[in-house]
């Protein structure tokens, strides 16, 4: 698979496989990330997978070479990418209980009308799919989940809400996700879970990790 490597500041590299939101590319990113994690050279501080890229953060002080640390790390990263990645991603399946509609899901009715479905059909379609955590972002622990049923895709709100409750399950464009903390947001809210997606006192603090599989369960 074609890729490029570029620098991110003075202590990181970005391995880029393109700029598309594509489930197969994302699976390749996570498989390579897990492969690198198993090798884990002493100078590697962190790996951050995204939709079609993998950021690699470097501890320059851990190098013992004549080359610049990022040059040395770039050579190593290129070798790993060219060597390929495992065919399957070692992952977990996490079930998320959700109460759909009513005050927990104020946009369910609007989304159902937009999709030309009954509300129960929207819920059934949302729960049928097994999603993949493409990446975490926006706020600590927020999962961007692939692949949403295309029938449920809907544009974000024209004017974001000033406050979305923690645990809210939303749809934004062709993706679905969960708000870990209360705060502003523009996704269409169709339900809410009581699970804590982010807890700074927990190890690890995030409930979900990139590469995990997720299934919603209507309660």
Protein backbone atom coordinates (compact mmCIF):
# COMPACT_ATOMS: atom_id res chain seq x y z
CA UNK A 1 0.00 0.00 0.00
CA UNK A 2 1.35 3.43 -0.99
CA UNK A 3 2.41 5.68 1.88
CA UNK A 4 4.36 8.83 2.67
CA UNK A 5 6.30 9.82 5.78
CA UNK A 6 6.48 13.40 6.99
CA UNK A 7 7.68 15.15 10.12
CA UNK A 8 5.41 16.48 12.85
CA UNK A 9 7.39 19.13 14.67
CA UNK A 10 10.71 18.12 16.20
CA UNK A 11 9.79 14.81 17.81
CA UNK A 12 7.22 12.99 15.66
CA UNK A 13 6.63 11.39 12.29
CA UNK A 14 3.40 10.87 10.38
CA UNK A 15 2.94 7.80 8.21
CA UNK A 16 0.16 8.66 5.78
CA UNK A 17 -1.76 6.16 3.61
CA UNK A 18 -4.00 8.76 2.00
CA UNK A 19 -6.77 11.09 3.13
CA UNK A 20 -9.91 8.99 2.62
CA UNK A 21 -12.26 7.69 5.31
CA UNK A 22 -12.03 4.05 4.26
CA UNK A 23 -12.57 1.01 6.49
CA UNK A 24 -9.93 -1.14 4.74
CA UNK A 25 -7.25 1.57 5.00
CA UNK A 26 -8.16 2.16 8.63
CA UNK A 27 -7.84 -1.58 9.36
CA UNK A 28 -4.38 -1.51 7.78
CA UNK A 29 -3.40 1.45 10.01
CA UNK A 30 -4.47 -0.42 13.15
CA UNK A 31 -2.78 -3.67 12.13
CA UNK A 32 0.49 -1.83 11.50
CA UNK A 33 0.12 0.08 14.77
CA UNK A 34 -0.25 -3.19 16.66
CA UNK A 35 2.73 -4.69 14.85
CA UNK A 36 4.91 -1.71 15.82
CA UNK A 37 3.56 -1.83 19.38
CA UNK A 38 4.72 -5.44 19.72
CA UNK A 39 8.24 -4.53 18.56
CA UNK A 40 8.26 -1.23 20.48
CA UNK A 41 11.81 0.18 20.15
CA UNK A 42 13.10 2.00 23.26
CA UNK A 43 12.89 5.40 21.57
CA UNK A 44 9.16 5.10 20.78
CA UNK A 45 7.09 7.26 23.14
CA UNK A 46 3.63 6.94 21.62
CA UNK A 47 1.59 5.74 18.63
CA UNK A 48 -1.55 7.58 17.53
CA UNK A 49 -3.62 5.93 14.77
CA UNK A 50 -6.17 7.95 12.80
CA UNK A 51 -8.35 7.24 9.76
CA UNK A 52 -5.56 6.89 7.22
CA UNK A 53 -2.42 7.82 9.13
CA UNK A 54 -0.25 6.75 12.03
CA UNK A 55 1.68 9.25 14.15
CA UNK A 56 4.85 8.05 15.82
CA UNK A 57 6.31 10.12 18.69
CA UNK A 58 10.04 9.83 19.31
CA UNK A 59 12.23 10.20 22.41
CA UNK A 60 15.33 11.77 20.86
CA UNK A 61 17.39 11.19 24.02
CA UNK A 62 16.98 7.41 23.70
CA UNK A 63 18.95 7.25 20.41
CA UNK A 64 22.58 6.20 20.25
CA UNK A 65 23.46 6.91 16.64
CA UNK A 66 25.19 9.45 14.43
CA UNK A 67 22.06 10.23 12.42
CA UNK A 68 19.38 12.68 13.44
CA UNK A 69 16.81 10.84 15.59
CA UNK A 70 13.91 11.55 13.22
CA UNK A 71 15.97 10.38 10.24
CA UNK A 72 16.82 7.13 12.02
CA UNK A 73 13.22 6.68 13.16
CA UNK A 74 11.99 7.42 9.64
CA UNK A 75 14.18 4.69 8.17
CA UNK A 76 12.91 2.23 10.76
CA UNK A 77 9.28 3.23 10.21
CA UNK A 78 9.64 2.86 6.44
CA UNK A 79 10.98 -0.68 6.92
CA UNK A 80 7.99 -1.58 9.09
CA UNK A 81 5.51 -0.16 6.58
CA UNK A 82 7.17 -1.91 3.64
CA UNK A 83 7.20 -5.18 5.57
CA UNK A 84 3.42 -5.03 5.69
CA UNK A 85 1.08 -5.59 8.60
CA UNK A 86 -0.78 -8.51 10.04
CA UNK A 87 -3.82 -9.60 8.05
CA UNK A 88 -6.15 -9.34 11.05
CA UNK A 89 -6.40 -6.78 13.81
CA UNK A 90 -6.30 -8.16 17.33
CA UNK A 91 -9.30 -6.45 18.85
CA UNK A 92 -12.02 -6.48 21.48
CA UNK A 93 -15.77 -6.41 21.10
CA UNK A 94 -17.36 -3.88 23.44
CA UNK A 95 -21.13 -3.75 23.88
CA UNK A 96 -22.62 -0.32 24.63
CA UNK A 97 -26.10 -0.26 26.21
CA UNK A 98 -28.14 2.68 24.91
CA UNK A 99 -31.50 4.21 25.73
CA UNK A 100 -32.80 5.59 22.43
CA UNK A 101 -35.18 8.48 21.89
CA UNK A 102 -37.09 10.72 24.30
CA UNK A 103 -34.89 13.16 26.24
CA UNK A 104 -31.88 10.84 25.84
CA UNK A 105 -32.19 11.00 22.04
CA UNK A 106 -33.83 14.28 21.04
CA UNK A 107 -32.91 13.94 17.34
CA UNK A 108 -34.17 10.39 16.81
CA UNK A 109 -37.51 11.48 15.34
CA UNK A 110 -35.90 14.02 13.01
CA UNK A 111 -33.37 11.47 11.80
CA UNK A 112 -36.11 8.90 11.24
CA UNK A 113 -38.03 11.37 9.08
CA UNK A 114 -34.85 12.27 7.18
CA UNK A 115 -34.15 8.56 6.51
CA UNK A 116 -37.77 7.70 5.67
CA UNK A 117 -37.87 5.12 8.45
CA UNK A 118 -39.80 4.50 11.64
CA UNK A 119 -37.93 5.25 14.86
CA UNK A 120 -37.76 1.56 15.76
CA UNK A 121 -36.24 0.87 12.33
CA UNK A 122 -33.55 3.49 12.95
CA UNK A 123 -32.73 1.87 16.28
CA UNK A 124 -32.62 -1.60 14.74
CA UNK A 125 -30.30 -0.45 11.96
CA UNK A 126 -28.05 1.38 14.42
CA UNK A 127 -27.77 -1.72 16.61
CA UNK A 128 -27.30 -4.24 13.79
CA UNK A 129 -23.94 -2.93 12.59
CA UNK A 130 -20.67 -3.96 14.23
CA UNK A 131 -18.58 -0.78 14.27
CA UNK A 132 -14.84 -0.25 14.35
CA UNK A 133 -13.20 2.48 16.45
CA UNK A 134 -11.36 4.33 13.68
CA UNK A 135 -9.70 6.74 16.10
CA UNK A 136 -10.18 8.74 19.30
CA UNK A 137 -10.38 12.52 19.11
CA UNK A 138 -12.37 15.74 19.54
CA UNK A 139 -12.38 15.20 23.33
CA UNK A 140 -10.66 12.57 25.52
CA UNK A 141 -12.17 9.16 24.77
CA UNK A 142 -14.50 10.26 21.94
CA UNK A 143 -14.68 7.33 19.47
CA UNK A 144 -15.20 7.88 15.75
CA UNK A 145 -16.97 4.71 14.64
CA UNK A 146 -17.01 3.08 11.21
CA UNK A 147 -19.15 1.88 9.39
CA UNK A 148 -22.58 3.49 9.80
CA UNK A 149 -25.56 2.19 7.81
CA UNK A 150 -25.69 4.69 4.88
CA UNK A 151 -29.43 5.09 5.35
CA UNK A 152 -28.78 6.69 8.77
CA UNK A 153 -26.27 9.28 7.56
CA UNK A 154 -27.37 12.85 8.23
CA UNK A 155 -25.59 16.24 8.26
CA UNK A 156 -24.63 17.79 11.56
CA UNK A 157 -26.78 20.49 13.11
CA UNK A 158 -26.48 23.91 11.48
CA UNK A 159 -26.04 25.40 14.95
CA UNK A 160 -24.33 23.15 17.50
CA UNK A 161 -25.87 22.70 20.94
CA UNK A 162 -24.09 24.48 23.75
CA UNK A 163 -24.37 21.36 25.90
CA UNK A 164 -24.63 17.68 25.02
CA UNK A 165 -24.93 15.24 27.93
CA UNK A 166 -22.10 12.82 28.69
CA UNK A 167 -22.77 9.42 27.14
CA UNK A 168 -24.83 10.84 24.27
CA UNK A 169 -24.75 8.72 21.12
CA UNK A 170 -24.75 10.82 17.99
CA UNK A 171 -24.61 10.71 14.21
CA UNK A 172 -22.57 13.24 12.25
CA UNK A 173 -22.47 12.76 8.51
CA UNK A 174 -21.60 9.14 7.77
CA UNK A 175 -20.25 8.41 11.25
CA UNK A 176 -21.55 7.64 14.69
CA UNK A 177 -19.86 8.36 18.00
CA UNK A 178 -20.31 8.84 21.74
CA UNK A 179 -19.70 12.00 23.78
CA UNK A 180 -17.51 11.07 26.78
CA UNK A 181 -18.07 14.36 28.62
CA UNK A 182 -20.81 16.95 28.71
CA UNK A 183 -20.08 19.85 26.39
CA UNK A 184 -20.98 21.53 23.11
CA UNK A 185 -21.62 19.44 20.02
CA UNK A 186 -23.33 19.42 16.65
CA UNK A 187 -24.02 15.73 16.04
CA UNK A 188 -27.58 14.38 15.87
CA UNK A 189 -28.25 12.81 19.27
CA UNK A 190 -30.31 9.61 19.09
CA UNK A 191 -29.64 8.03 22.49
CA UNK A 192 -27.48 7.87 25.58
CA UNK A 193 -25.39 5.30 27.44
CA UNK A 194 -24.61 5.22 31.15
CA UNK A 195 -21.12 3.83 30.55
CA UNK A 196 -18.22 6.14 31.38
CA UNK A 197 -16.11 6.43 28.24
CA UNK A 198 -13.40 8.46 29.99
CA UNK A 199 -12.24 8.31 33.59
CA UNK A 200 -8.84 9.88 34.42
CA UNK A 201 -8.56 7.65 37.50
CA UNK A 202 -9.01 4.45 35.46
CA UNK A 203 -6.17 2.54 33.79
CA UNK A 204 -6.46 3.01 30.89
CA UNK A 205 -8.64 6.12 31.24
CA UNK A 206 -10.53 5.48 27.98
CA UNK A 207 -13.13 2.71 27.75
CA UNK A 208 -12.52 2.22 24.03
CA UNK A 209 -9.28 2.01 22.08
CA UNK A 210 -8.56 2.48 18.37
CA UNK A 211 -9.23 -0.79 16.56
CA UNK A 212 -11.91 -2.02 18.99
CA UNK A 213 -15.19 -3.37 17.66
CA UNK A 214 -18.36 -1.85 19.09
CA UNK A 215 -21.96 -2.99 19.10
CA UNK A 216 -24.86 -0.93 20.47
CA UNK A 217 -27.54 -2.67 22.54
CA UNK A 218 -30.96 -1.01 22.88
CA UNK A 219 -32.18 -1.01 26.49
